[in-house]
C-alpha atoms as a PDB file:
ATOM      1  CA  MET A   1      35.573  53.807  60.032  1.00  0.00           C
ATOM      2  CA  ALA A   2      35.263  52.720  56.404  1.00  0.00           C
ATOM      3  CA  ALA A   3      31.709  51.626  55.422  1.00  0.00           C
ATOM      4  CA  MET A   4      31.759  48.600  53.058  1.00  0.00           C
ATOM      5  CA  MET A   5      29.261  47.527  50.424  1.00  0.00           C
ATOM      6  CA  MET A   6      27.524  44.214  51.022  1.00  0.00           C
ATOM      7  CA  LEU A   7      25.274  41.995  49.468  1.00  0.00           C
ATOM      8  CA  ALA A   8      22.942  40.471  52.044  1.00  0.00           C
ATOM      9  CA  ALA A   9      22.050  36.725  52.073  1.00  0.00           C
ATOM     10  CA  ALA A  10      19.032  35.150  53.410  1.00  0.00           C
ATOM     11  CA  CYS A  11      19.406  33.662  56.865  1.00  0.00           C
ATOM     12  CA  THR A  12      17.443  30.551  58.012  1.00  0.00           C
ATOM     13  CA  SER A  13      18.254  27.472  60.220  1.00  0.00           C
ATOM     14  CA  GLU A  14      16.575  24.132  59.828  1.00  0.00           C
ATOM     15  CA  SER A  15      15.810  21.613  62.504  1.00  0.00           C
ATOM     16  CA  SER A  16      14.260  18.123  62.150  1.00  0.00           C
ATOM     17  CA  GLY A  17      10.586  18.222  62.697  1.00  0.00           C
ATOM     18  CA  ASP A  18       8.779  16.028  65.164  1.00  0.00           C
ATOM     19  CA  GLY A  19      10.273  12.790  63.411  1.00  0.00           C
ATOM     20  CA  ASP A  20       7.945  12.661  60.268  1.00  0.00           C
ATOM     21  CA  GLY A  21      10.897  13.808  58.109  1.00  0.00           C
ATOM     22  CA  ARG A  22       9.768  17.500  57.672  1.00  0.00           C
ATOM     23  CA  ALA A  23      12.166  20.072  58.581  1.00  0.00           C
ATOM     24  CA  GLU A  24      11.042  23.226  60.208  1.00  0.00           C
ATOM     25  CA  SER A  25      12.418  26.443  59.028  1.00  0.00           C
ATOM     26  CA  CYS A  26      13.236  29.179  61.607  1.00  0.00           C
ATOM     27  CA  ALA A  27      12.975  32.920  60.730  1.00  0.00           C
ATOM     28  CA  TYR A  28      16.105  35.055  61.388  1.00  0.00           C
ATOM     29  CA  ARG A  29      14.913  37.499  63.770  1.00  0.00           C
ATOM     30  CA  VAL A  30      17.386  40.163  65.608  1.00  0.00           C
ATOM     31  CA  LEU A  31      16.299  42.156  68.691  1.00  0.00           C
ATOM     32  CA  TYR A  32      17.759  45.368  69.043  1.00  0.00           C
ATOM     33  CA  GLN A  33      16.645  48.313  71.126  1.00  0.00           C
ATOM     34  CA  ASP A  34      13.280  47.001  71.902  1.00  0.00           C
ATOM     35  CA  ARG A  35      12.511  46.391  68.190  1.00  0.00           C
ATOM     36  CA  THR A  36      12.524  42.896  66.334  1.00  0.00           C
ATOM     37  CA  TYR A  37      14.044  43.072  62.727  1.00  0.00           C
ATOM     38  CA  ARG A  38      14.029  40.226  60.199  1.00  0.00           C
ATOM     39  CA  ASP A  39      16.337  39.226  57.374  1.00  0.00           C
ATOM     40  CA  VAL A  40      16.238  40.888  54.131  1.00  0.00           C
ATOM     41  CA  ALA A  41      17.978  39.054  51.198  1.00  0.00           C
ATOM     42  CA  ASN A  42      19.522  40.362  47.960  1.00  0.00           C
ATOM     43  CA  VAL A  43      19.897  44.002  48.957  1.00  0.00           C
ATOM     44  CA  GLU A  44      22.979  45.982  48.420  1.00  0.00           C
ATOM     45  CA  PHE A  45      23.798  48.236  51.286  1.00  0.00           C
ATOM     46  CA  THR A  46      26.444  49.979  53.112  1.00  0.00           C
ATOM     47  CA  ALA A  47      27.249  48.937  56.619  1.00  0.00           C
ATOM     48  CA  GLY A  48      28.358  52.010  58.638  1.00  0.00           C
ATOM     49  CA  ARG A  49      29.243  52.782  62.374  1.00  0.00           C
ATOM     50  CA  LYS A  50      28.913  50.549  65.055  1.00  0.00           C
ATOM     51  CA  LEU A  51      25.637  51.240  66.991  1.00  0.00           C
ATOM     52  CA  GLY A  52      25.856  48.537  69.850  1.00  0.00           C
ATOM     53  CA  SER A  53      24.910  44.918  70.748  1.00  0.00           C
ATOM     54  CA  ALA A  54      22.003  43.023  69.219  1.00  0.00           C
ATOM     55  CA  THR A  55      20.505  39.621  70.182  1.00  0.00           C
ATOM     56  CA  VAL A  56      19.645  36.807  67.864  1.00  0.00           C
ATOM     57  CA  PRO A  57      17.190  34.683  69.806  1.00  0.00           C
ATOM     58  CA  PRO A  58      16.949  31.071  69.709  1.00  0.00           C
ATOM     59  CA  CYS A  59      14.698  29.580  67.227  1.00  0.00           C
ATOM     60  CA  GLU A  60      10.973  28.895  69.171  1.00  0.00           C
ATOM     61  CA  ASP A  61       9.323  27.094  66.229  1.00  0.00           C
ATOM     62  CA  THR A  62      10.514  23.643  67.096  1.00  0.00           C
ATOM     63  CA  GLY A  63       8.374  23.157  70.251  1.00  0.00           C
ATOM     64  CA  ASP A  64      11.343  22.795  72.214  1.00  0.00           C
ATOM     65  CA  ARG A  65      10.580  24.885  75.466  1.00  0.00           C
ATOM     66  CA  ASP A  66      14.038  24.555  76.863  1.00  0.00           C
ATOM     67  CA  LYS A  67      15.305  26.419  73.654  1.00  0.00           C
ATOM     68  CA  ALA A  68      12.789  29.189  74.074  1.00  0.00           C
ATOM     69  CA  GLU A  69      14.302  29.927  77.295  1.00  0.00           C
ATOM     70  CA  GLU A  70      17.668  30.122  76.083  1.00  0.00           C
ATOM     71  CA  PRO A  71      19.009  33.818  75.954  1.00  0.00           C
ATOM     72  CA  GLY A  72      20.202  33.963  72.300  1.00  0.00           C
ATOM     73  CA  GLU A  73      23.431  34.943  70.644  1.00  0.00           C
ATOM     74  CA  THR A  74      24.937  38.470  70.961  1.00  0.00           C
ATOM     75  CA  THR A  75      26.049  40.199  67.777  1.00  0.00           C
ATOM     76  CA  THR A  76      27.034  43.611  66.768  1.00  0.00           C
ATOM     77  CA  ALA A  77      24.519  46.178  64.973  1.00  0.00           C
ATOM     78  CA  TYR A  78      25.800  48.602  62.466  1.00  0.00           C
ATOM     79  CA  ALA A  79      24.164  51.517  60.743  1.00  0.00           C
ATOM     80  CA  VAL A  80      22.811  51.383  57.210  1.00  0.00           C
ATOM     81  CA  ASP A  81      23.807  54.282  55.469  1.00  0.00           C
ATOM     82  CA  GLY A  82      20.939  56.271  54.144  1.00  0.00           C
ATOM     83  CA  VAL A  83      18.355  54.289  56.438  1.00  0.00           C
ATOM     84  CA  SER A  84      17.147  55.068  59.954  1.00  0.00           C
ATOM     85  CA  PRO A  85      18.112  52.477  62.574  1.00  0.00           C
ATOM     86  CA  ASP A  86      14.431  52.289  63.497  1.00  0.00           C
ATOM     87  CA  VAL A  87      13.932  51.022  59.958  1.00  0.00           C
ATOM     88  CA  ALA A  88      16.991  48.560  59.491  1.00  0.00           C
ATOM     89  CA  VAL A  89      20.370  47.819  60.843  1.00  0.00           C
ATOM     90  CA  ALA A  90      23.128  45.346  59.633  1.00  0.00           C
ATOM     91  CA  VAL A  91      24.505  42.747  62.017  1.00  0.00           C
ATOM     92  CA  GLY A  92      27.485  40.631  62.218  1.00  0.00           C
ATOM     93  CA  ASP A  93      30.939  40.509  63.450  1.00  0.00           C
ATOM     94  CA  SER A  94      32.123  43.418  61.368  1.00  0.00           C
ATOM     95  CA  PRO A  95      30.556  45.781  58.849  1.00  0.00           C
ATOM     96  CA  GLY A  96      31.995  43.536  55.967  1.00  0.00           C
ATOM     97  CA  ASP A  97      30.449  40.405  57.041  1.00  0.00           C
ATOM     98  CA  ALA A  98      27.069  42.080  58.293  1.00  0.00           C
ATOM     99  CA  ALA A  99      23.861  40.951  57.172  1.00  0.00           C
ATOM    100  CA  LEU A 100      20.820  43.491  56.503  1.00  0.00           C
ATOM    101  CA  VAL A 101      17.645  43.045  59.100  1.00  0.00           C
ATOM    102  CA  ALA A 102      14.475  45.228  58.772  1.00  0.00           C
ATOM    103  CA  ALA A 103      11.828  46.266  61.053  1.00  0.00           C
ATOM    104  CA  TYR A 104       8.781  44.962  58.985  1.00  0.00           C
ATOM    105  CA  SER A 105       5.017  46.220  59.339  1.00  0.00           C
ATOM    106  CA  GLY A 106       3.152  43.113  59.389  1.00  0.00           C
ATOM    107  CA  ASP A 107       4.558  41.306  56.288  1.00  0.00           C
ATOM    108  CA  LYS A 108       5.523  44.468  54.403  1.00  0.00           C
ATOM    109  CA  LEU A 109       8.813  45.843  53.985  1.00  0.00           C
ATOM    110  CA  PRO A 110       9.702  49.383  55.051  1.00  0.00           C
ATOM    111  CA  PRO A 111       9.444  51.621  52.094  1.00  0.00           C
ATOM    112  CA  GLU A 112      12.974  52.789  52.441  1.00  0.00           C
ATOM    113  CA  ILE A 113      14.141  49.110  52.315  1.00  0.00           C
ATOM    114  CA  GLN A 114      12.060  48.300  48.974  1.00  0.00           C
ATOM    115  CA  GLU A 115      13.858  51.539  47.498  1.00  0.00           C
ATOM    116  CA  LEU A 116      17.296  49.749  48.316  1.00  0.00           C
ATOM    117  CA  ILE A 117      15.790  46.743  46.555  1.00  0.00           C
ATOM    118  CA  ASP A 118      14.738  48.423  43.545  1.00  0.00           C
ATOM    119  CA  GLY A 119      17.903  50.257  42.976  1.00  0.00           C
ATOM    120  CA  SER A 120      20.012  46.974  43.218  1.00  0.00           C
END
C-alpha cells in the first residue's frame, strides 16, 4: 500500500453550553489498543499500513449523561512512518485522509512528535 504524506488538521467539535450562549469545546480523542490519543495539528507525516480499528468516544464535556454512555464511532488506525504505534497513529477512512493523534504524557507531546513538528 502506498503511503501518503499528510498535513493533519486540528479536530474539535463544539456544542452549545447550558443556554448562556457559551460554546464548549470537546477535545478530539481516539482509543486504540488500551491507549488514549489526542489530536496533533499542523504536522507533516506519512500514514502507512492499516493497524486495525480505533474508537472515537462521544464528547463528555457537555454534561449530557446519555451521550457519555454512547459507544462512540469506529474508525481505522494506520501506522505513522518512523513512529511507534505506542506513541502515535493516524486515523481516518484511508491513509490519504487520516489525522495524526498522539499518546500524550500529561500535556507534553512525545519527543518523536515534537521532532516531526520541528521538521515540518
